[in-house]
Amino acid sequence: MASLFSNYSKEALQKKLKSQKKMFYLKVIIVILMIAFSIFYTLENNISFYTFLPLFFIPMTIYMYLEMKKIAKELKSRK
């Protein structure tokens, strides 16, 4: 089975992995901040939409992490 990233050059994969890592770390920080703010908001104003807002972003962060692992695996297979 051909990998999704098999059409990319090694340099393009390295560049993609580097940018993906930056975006992943940024997204993790944002999700952590959202969780903290939702906890404080819930303590002040009871449960609302903002309480559950981080739950919508966590799956996207997990998907981004899995994509990073796939890119790293493809790069490792080329060495």
PDB file of N, CA and C in Angstrom:
ATOM      1  N   MET A   1       0.839  -1.170   0.000  1.00  0.00           N
ATOM      2  CA  MET A   1       0.000   0.000   0.000  1.00  0.00           C
ATOM      3  C   MET A   1       0.892   1.245   0.000  1.00  0.00           C
ATOM      4  N   ALA A   2       0.662   2.123  -0.924  1.00  0.00           N
ATOM      5  CA  ALA A   2       1.470   3.334  -1.038  1.00  0.00           C
ATOM      6  C   ALA A   2       1.075   4.336   0.037  1.00  0.00           C
ATOM      7  N   SER A   3       2.093   4.981   0.557  1.00  0.00           N
ATOM      8  CA  SER A   3       1.858   5.987   1.589  1.00  0.00           C
ATOM      9  C   SER A   3       1.287   7.250   0.965  1.00  0.00           C
ATOM     10  N   LEU A   4       0.593   8.002   1.760  1.00  0.00           N
ATOM     11  CA  LEU A   4       0.026   9.263   1.312  1.00  0.00           C
ATOM     12  C   LEU A   4       1.125  10.254   0.956  1.00  0.00           C
ATOM     13  N   PHE A   5       2.270  10.108   1.584  1.00  0.00           N
ATOM     14  CA  PHE A   5       3.366  11.049   1.405  1.00  0.00           C
ATOM     15  C   PHE A   5       4.449  10.519   0.482  1.00  0.00           C
ATOM     16  N   SER A   6       4.198   9.426  -0.216  1.00  0.00           N
ATOM     17  CA  SER A   6       5.221   8.834  -1.062  1.00  0.00           C
ATOM     18  C   SER A   6       5.541   9.689  -2.286  1.00  0.00           C
ATOM     19  N   ASN A   7       4.659  10.602  -2.656  1.00  0.00           N
ATOM     20  CA  ASN A   7       4.903  11.458  -3.821  1.00  0.00           C
ATOM     21  C   ASN A   7       5.770  12.668  -3.489  1.00  0.00           C
ATOM     22  N   TYR A   8       5.989  12.934  -2.216  1.00  0.00           N
ATOM     23  CA  TYR A   8       6.784  14.083  -1.791  1.00  0.00           C
ATOM     24  C   TYR A   8       8.269  13.728  -1.813  1.00  0.00           C
ATOM     25  N   SER A   9       9.085  14.746  -2.077  1.00  0.00           N
ATOM     26  CA  SER A   9      10.536  14.542  -1.972  1.00  0.00           C
ATOM     27  C   SER A   9      10.918  14.559  -0.497  1.00  0.00           C
ATOM     28  N   LYS A  10      12.118  14.095  -0.215  1.00  0.00           N
ATOM     29  CA  LYS A  10      12.586  14.050   1.168  1.00  0.00           C
ATOM     30  C   LYS A  10      12.663  15.455   1.764  1.00  0.00           C
ATOM     31  N   GLU A  11      13.132  16.414   0.970  1.00  0.00           N
ATOM     32  CA  GLU A  11      13.232  17.795   1.443  1.00  0.00           C
ATOM     33  C   GLU A  11      11.855  18.379   1.721  1.00  0.00           C
ATOM     34  N   ALA A  12      10.900  18.084   0.850  1.00  0.00           N
ATOM     35  CA  ALA A  12       9.541  18.588   1.047  1.00  0.00           C
ATOM     36  C   ALA A  12       8.909  17.985   2.299  1.00  0.00           C
ATOM     37  N   LEU A  13       9.192  16.712   2.543  1.00  0.00           N
ATOM     38  CA  LEU A  13       8.679  16.075   3.756  1.00  0.00           C
ATOM     39  C   LEU A  13       9.292  16.679   5.008  1.00  0.00           C
ATOM     40  N   GLN A  14      10.585  16.969   4.959  1.00  0.00           N
ATOM     41  CA  GLN A  14      11.239  17.577   6.112  1.00  0.00           C
ATOM     42  C   GLN A  14      10.669  18.963   6.395  1.00  0.00           C
ATOM     43  N   LYS A  15      10.425  19.715   5.345  1.00  0.00           N
ATOM     44  CA  LYS A  15       9.847  21.044   5.493  1.00  0.00           C
ATOM     45  C   LYS A  15       8.419  20.950   6.037  1.00  0.00           C
ATOM     46  N   LYS A  16       7.655  20.001   5.521  1.00  0.00           N
ATOM     47  CA  LYS A  16       6.281  19.803   5.971  1.00  0.00           C
ATOM     48  C   LYS A  16       6.257  19.369   7.437  1.00  0.00           C
ATOM     49  N   LEU A  17       7.160  18.485   7.821  1.00  0.00           N
ATOM     50  CA  LEU A  17       7.216  18.027   9.206  1.00  0.00           C
ATOM     51  C   LEU A  17       7.582  19.173  10.144  1.00  0.00           C
ATOM     52  N   LYS A  18       8.511  20.007   9.735  1.00  0.00           N
ATOM     53  CA  LYS A  18       8.916  21.143  10.562  1.00  0.00           C
ATOM     54  C   LYS A  18       7.751  22.105  10.775  1.00  0.00           C
ATOM     55  N   SER A  19       7.035  22.435   9.707  1.00  0.00           N
ATOM     56  CA  SER A  19       5.897  23.352   9.850  1.00  0.00           C
ATOM     57  C   SER A  19       4.760  22.693  10.620  1.00  0.00           C
ATOM     58  N   GLN A  20       4.568  21.399  10.422  1.00  0.00           N
ATOM     59  CA  GLN A  20       3.520  20.665  11.140  1.00  0.00           C
ATOM     60  C   GLN A  20       3.805  20.658  12.640  1.00  0.00           C
ATOM     61  N   LYS A  21       5.071  20.504  13.017  1.00  0.00           N
ATOM     62  CA  LYS A  21       5.439  20.512  14.432  1.00  0.00           C
ATOM     63  C   LYS A  21       5.160  21.868  15.057  1.00  0.00           C
ATOM     64  N   LYS A  22       5.519  22.942  14.346  1.00  0.00           N
ATOM     65  CA  LYS A  22       5.260  24.280  14.867  1.00  0.00           C
ATOM     66  C   LYS A  22       3.763  24.497  15.084  1.00  0.00           C
ATOM     67  N   MET A  23       2.977  24.122  14.115  1.00  0.00           N
ATOM     68  CA  MET A  23       1.528  24.308  14.224  1.00  0.00           C
ATOM     69  C   MET A  23       0.942  23.425  15.324  1.00  0.00           C
ATOM     70  N   PHE A  24       1.476  22.224  15.479  1.00  0.00           N
ATOM     71  CA  PHE A  24       0.993  21.314  16.519  1.00  0.00           C
ATOM     72  C   PHE A  24       1.244  21.898  17.904  1.00  0.00           C
ATOM     73  N   TYR A  25       2.455  22.377  18.138  1.00  0.00           N
ATOM     74  CA  TYR A  25       2.778  22.939  19.452  1.00  0.00           C
ATOM     75  C   TYR A  25       1.939  24.183  19.736  1.00  0.00           C
ATOM     76  N   LEU A  26       1.719  24.994  18.720  1.00  0.00           N
ATOM     77  CA  LEU A  26       0.867  26.170  18.879  1.00  0.00           C
ATOM     78  C   LEU A  26      -0.558  25.758  19.234  1.00  0.00           C
ATOM     79  N   LYS A  27      -1.060  24.757  18.544  1.00  0.00           N
ATOM     80  CA  LYS A  27      -2.424  24.288  18.802  1.00  0.00           C
ATOM     81  C   LYS A  27      -2.551  23.680  20.198  1.00  0.00           C
ATOM     82  N   VAL A  28      -1.530  22.960  20.652  1.00  0.00           N
ATOM     83  CA  VAL A  28      -1.556  22.382  21.997  1.00  0.00           C
ATOM     84  C   VAL A  28      -1.622  23.498  23.040  1.00  0.00           C
ATOM     85  N   ILE A  29      -0.834  24.541  22.854  1.00  0.00           N
ATOM     86  CA  ILE A  29      -0.856  25.667  23.786  1.00  0.00           C
ATOM     87  C   ILE A  29      -2.236  26.317  23.802  1.00  0.00           C
ATOM     88  N   ILE A  30      -2.810  26.496  22.633  1.00  0.00           N
ATOM     89  CA  ILE A  30      -4.138  27.107  22.547  1.00  0.00           C
ATOM     90  C   ILE A  30      -5.185  26.241  23.235  1.00  0.00           C
ATOM     91  N   VAL A  31      -5.132  24.938  23.019  1.00  0.00           N
ATOM     92  CA  VAL A  31      -6.103  24.034  23.653  1.00  0.00           C
ATOM     93  C   VAL A  31      -5.938  24.056  25.167  1.00  0.00           C
ATOM     94  N   ILE A  32      -4.713  24.080  25.658  1.00  0.00           N
ATOM     95  CA  ILE A  32      -4.481  24.141  27.108  1.00  0.00           C
ATOM     96  C   ILE A  32      -5.057  25.441  27.678  1.00  0.00           C
ATOM     97  N   LEU A  33      -4.826  26.554  26.973  1.00  0.00           N
ATOM     98  CA  LEU A  33      -5.400  27.821  27.419  1.00  0.00           C
ATOM     99  C   LEU A  33      -6.925  27.783  27.401  1.00  0.00           C
ATOM    100  N   MET A  34      -7.484  27.178  26.364  1.00  0.00           N
ATOM    101  CA  MET A  34      -8.942  27.065  26.284  1.00  0.00           C
ATOM    102  C   MET A  34      -9.490  26.239  27.444  1.00  0.00           C
ATOM    103  N   ILE A  35      -8.800  25.174  27.797  1.00  0.00           N
ATOM    104  CA  ILE A  35      -9.236  24.341  28.923  1.00  0.00           C
ATOM    105  C   ILE A  35      -9.185  25.141  30.218  1.00  0.00           C
ATOM    106  N   ALA A  36      -8.100  25.880  30.407  1.00  0.00           N
ATOM    107  CA  ALA A  36      -7.974  26.687  31.631  1.00  0.00           C
ATOM    108  C   ALA A  36      -9.072  27.739  31.696  1.00  0.00           C
ATOM    109  N   PHE A  37      -9.299  28.446  30.595  1.00  0.00           N
ATOM    110  CA  PHE A  37     -10.342  29.472  30.581  1.00  0.00           C
ATOM    111  C   PHE A  37     -11.732  28.875  30.764  1.00  0.00           C
ATOM    112  N   SER A  38     -11.954  27.701  30.186  1.00  0.00           N
ATOM    113  CA  SER A  38     -13.276  27.089  30.338  1.00  0.00           C
ATOM    114  C   SER A  38     -13.514  26.654  31.780  1.00  0.00           C
ATOM    115  N   ILE A  39     -12.459  26.220  32.462  1.00  0.00           N
ATOM    116  CA  ILE A  39     -12.603  25.845  33.879  1.00  0.00           C
ATOM    117  C   ILE A  39     -12.941  27.081  34.713  1.00  0.00           C
ATOM    118  N   PHE A  40     -12.205  28.162  34.493  1.00  0.00           N
ATOM    119  CA  PHE A  40     -12.486  29.386  35.239  1.00  0.00           C
ATOM    120  C   PHE A  40     -13.878  29.933  34.914  1.00  0.00           C
ATOM    121  N   TYR A  41     -14.254  29.886  33.629  1.00  0.00           N
ATOM    122  CA  TYR A  41     -15.577  30.383  33.229  1.00  0.00           C
ATOM    123  C   TYR A  41     -16.675  29.542  33.866  1.00  0.00           C
ATOM    124  N   THR A  42     -16.479  28.236  33.915  1.00  0.00           N
ATOM    125  CA  THR A  42     -17.467  27.344  34.514  1.00  0.00           C
ATOM    126  C   THR A  42     -17.601  27.596  36.009  1.00  0.00           C
ATOM    127  N   LEU A  43     -16.485  27.836  36.670  1.00  0.00           N
ATOM    128  CA  LEU A  43     -16.541  28.118  38.107  1.00  0.00           C
ATOM    129  C   LEU A  43     -17.271  29.429  38.399  1.00  0.00           C
ATOM    130  N   GLU A  44     -17.139  30.393  37.510  1.00  0.00           N
ATOM    131  CA  GLU A  44     -17.777  31.690  37.712  1.00  0.00           C
ATOM    132  C   GLU A  44     -19.235  31.720  37.257  1.00  0.00           C
ATOM    133  N   ASN A  45     -19.535  31.085  36.126  1.00  0.00           N
ATOM    134  CA  ASN A  45     -20.843  31.267  35.481  1.00  0.00           C
ATOM    135  C   ASN A  45     -21.612  29.973  35.243  1.00  0.00           C
ATOM    136  N   ASN A  46     -21.234  28.894  35.851  1.00  0.00           N
ATOM    137  CA  ASN A  46     -21.868  27.584  35.637  1.00  0.00           C
ATOM    138  C   ASN A  46     -21.571  27.045  34.245  1.00  0.00           C
ATOM    139  N   ILE A  47     -22.132  25.911  33.930  1.00  0.00           N
ATOM    140  CA  ILE A  47     -21.850  25.226  32.667  1.00  0.00           C
ATOM    141  C   ILE A  47     -22.519  25.961  31.505  1.00  0.00           C
ATOM    142  N   SER A  48     -21.756  26.118  30.434  1.00  0.00           N
ATOM    143  CA  SER A  48     -22.273  26.744  29.216  1.00  0.00           C
ATOM    144  C   SER A  48     -21.543  26.134  28.018  1.00  0.00           C
ATOM    145  N   PHE A  49     -21.761  26.738  26.877  1.00  0.00           N
ATOM    146  CA  PHE A  49     -21.105  26.288  25.652  1.00  0.00           C
ATOM    147  C   PHE A  49     -19.579  26.369  25.789  1.00  0.00           C
ATOM    148  N   TYR A  50     -19.080  27.396  26.461  1.00  0.00           N
ATOM    149  CA  TYR A  50     -17.640  27.606  26.603  1.00  0.00           C
ATOM    150  C   TYR A  50     -16.974  26.506  27.431  1.00  0.00           C
ATOM    151  N   THR A  51     -17.762  25.832  28.244  1.00  0.00           N
ATOM    152  CA  THR A  51     -17.226  24.728  29.035  1.00  0.00           C
ATOM    153  C   THR A  51     -16.761  23.595  28.124  1.00  0.00           C
ATOM    154  N   PHE A  52     -17.511  23.348  27.063  1.00  0.00           N
ATOM    155  CA  PHE A  52     -17.240  22.214  26.182  1.00  0.00           C
ATOM    156  C   PHE A  52     -16.484  22.593  24.908  1.00  0.00           C
ATOM    157  N   LEU A  53     -16.194  23.844  24.723  1.00  0.00           N
ATOM    158  CA  LEU A  53     -15.502  24.297  23.516  1.00  0.00           C
ATOM    159  C   LEU A  53     -14.162  23.596  23.277  1.00  0.00           C
ATOM    160  N   PRO A  54     -13.328  23.382  24.307  1.00  0.00           N
ATOM    161  CA  PRO A  54     -12.056  22.681  24.041  1.00  0.00           C
ATOM    162  C   PRO A  54     -12.244  21.268  23.506  1.00  0.00           C
ATOM    163  N   LEU A  55     -13.355  20.644  23.832  1.00  0.00           N
ATOM    164  CA  LEU A  55     -13.594  19.275  23.358  1.00  0.00           C
ATOM    165  C   LEU A  55     -13.713  19.197  21.841  1.00  0.00           C
ATOM    166  N   PHE A  56     -14.069  20.285  21.199  1.00  0.00           N
ATOM    167  CA  PHE A  56     -14.166  20.301  19.738  1.00  0.00           C
ATOM    168  C   PHE A  56     -12.796  20.411  19.082  1.00  0.00           C
ATOM    169  N   PHE A  57     -11.827  20.951  19.799  1.00  0.00           N
ATOM    170  CA  PHE A  57     -10.498  21.163  19.233  1.00  0.00           C
ATOM    171  C   PHE A  57      -9.522  20.031  19.543  1.00  0.00           C
ATOM    172  N   ILE A  58      -9.798  19.250  20.542  1.00  0.00           N
ATOM    173  CA  ILE A  58      -8.909  18.144  20.907  1.00  0.00           C
ATOM    174  C   ILE A  58      -8.790  17.103  19.787  1.00  0.00           C
ATOM    175  N   PRO A  59      -9.882  16.677  19.138  1.00  0.00           N
ATOM    176  CA  PRO A  59      -9.717  15.711  18.036  1.00  0.00           C
ATOM    177  C   PRO A  59      -8.871  16.245  16.882  1.00  0.00           C
ATOM    178  N   MET A  60      -8.980  17.534  16.587  1.00  0.00           N
ATOM    179  CA  MET A  60      -8.153  18.112  15.524  1.00  0.00           C
ATOM    180  C   MET A  60      -6.673  18.066  15.902  1.00  0.00           C
ATOM    181  N   THR A  61      -6.391  18.287  17.167  1.00  0.00           N
ATOM    182  CA  THR A  61      -5.013  18.238  17.642  1.00  0.00           C
ATOM    183  C   THR A  61      -4.471  16.813  17.569  1.00  0.00           C
ATOM    184  N   ILE A  62      -5.294  15.854  17.932  1.00  0.00           N
ATOM    185  CA  ILE A  62      -4.886  14.448  17.854  1.00  0.00           C
ATOM    186  C   ILE A  62      -4.623  14.050  16.407  1.00  0.00           C
ATOM    187  N   TYR A  63      -5.497  14.486  15.499  1.00  0.00           N
ATOM    188  CA  TYR A  63      -5.313  14.176  14.079  1.00  0.00           C
ATOM    189  C   TYR A  63      -3.998  14.773  13.564  1.00  0.00           C
ATOM    190  N   MET A  64      -3.698  16.004  13.982  1.00  0.00           N
ATOM    191  CA  MET A  64      -2.455  16.644  13.559  1.00  0.00           C
ATOM    192  C   MET A  64      -1.250  15.866  14.080  1.00  0.00           C
ATOM    193  N   TYR A  65      -1.336  15.373  15.314  1.00  0.00           N
ATOM    194  CA  TYR A  65      -0.255  14.576  15.897  1.00  0.00           C
ATOM    195  C   TYR A  65      -0.050  13.279  15.103  1.00  0.00           C
ATOM    196  N   LEU A  66      -1.135  12.625  14.737  1.00  0.00           N
ATOM    197  CA  LEU A  66      -1.030  11.387  13.962  1.00  0.00           C
ATOM    198  C   LEU A  66      -0.433  11.636  12.583  1.00  0.00           C
ATOM    199  N   GLU A  67      -0.767  12.759  11.965  1.00  0.00           N
ATOM    200  CA  GLU A  67      -0.182  13.111  10.676  1.00  0.00           C
ATOM    201  C   GLU A  67       1.325  13.345  10.806  1.00  0.00           C
ATOM    202  N   MET A  68       1.727  13.982  11.902  1.00  0.00           N
ATOM    203  CA  MET A  68       3.158  14.181  12.135  1.00  0.00           C
ATOM    204  C   MET A  68       3.878  12.847  12.240  1.00  0.00           C
ATOM    205  N   LYS A  69       3.279  11.902  12.926  1.00  0.00           N
ATOM    206  CA  LYS A  69       3.887  10.578  13.076  1.00  0.00           C
ATOM    207  C   LYS A  69       4.002   9.876  11.727  1.00  0.00           C
ATOM    208  N   LYS A  70       2.997  10.032  10.876  1.00  0.00           N
ATOM    209  CA  LYS A  70       3.044   9.412   9.544  1.00  0.00           C
ATOM    210  C   LYS A  70       4.161  10.019   8.701  1.00  0.00           C
ATOM    211  N   ILE A  71       4.314  11.326   8.778  1.00  0.00           N
ATOM    212  CA  ILE A  71       5.384  11.992   8.019  1.00  0.00           C
ATOM    213  C   ILE A  71       6.746  11.544   8.532  1.00  0.00           C
ATOM    214  N   ALA A  72       6.894  11.469   9.847  1.00  0.00           N
ATOM    215  CA  ALA A  72       8.165  11.029  10.433  1.00  0.00           C
ATOM    216  C   ALA A  72       8.464   9.583  10.042  1.00  0.00           C
ATOM    217  N   LYS A  73       7.437   8.758  10.009  1.00  0.00           N
ATOM    218  CA  LYS A  73       7.619   7.361   9.608  1.00  0.00           C
ATOM    219  C   LYS A  73       8.064   7.261   8.147  1.00  0.00           C
ATOM    220  N   GLU A  74       7.467   8.084   7.288  1.00  0.00           N
ATOM    221  CA  GLU A  74       7.843   8.086   5.882  1.00  0.00           C
ATOM    222  C   GLU A  74       9.285   8.560   5.717  1.00  0.00           C
ATOM    223  N   LEU A  75       9.679   9.575   6.455  1.00  0.00           N
ATOM    224  CA  LEU A  75      11.066  10.056   6.387  1.00  0.00           C
ATOM    225  C   LEU A  75      12.037   8.990   6.882  1.00  0.00           C
ATOM    226  N   LYS A  76      11.659   8.297   7.944  1.00  0.00           N
ATOM    227  CA  LYS A  76      12.518   7.250   8.490  1.00  0.00           C
ATOM    228  C   LYS A  76      12.673   6.083   7.504  1.00  0.00           C
ATOM    229  N   SER A  77      11.619   5.778   6.779  1.00  0.00           N
ATOM    230  CA  SER A  77      11.684   4.667   5.820  1.00  0.00           C
ATOM    231  C   SER A  77      12.571   4.989   4.618  1.00  0.00           C
ATOM    232  N   ARG A  78      12.821   6.263   4.373  1.00  0.00           N
ATOM    233  CA  ARG A  78      13.650   6.671   3.236  1.00  0.00           C
ATOM    234  C   ARG A  78      15.132   6.717   3.564  1.00  0.00           C
ATOM    235  N   LYS A  79      15.507   6.620   4.816  1.00  0.00           N
ATOM    236  CA  LYS A  79      16.924   6.711   5.180  1.00  0.00           C
ATOM    237  C   LYS A  79      17.655   5.424   4.954  1.00  0.00           C
TER     238      LYS A  79
END
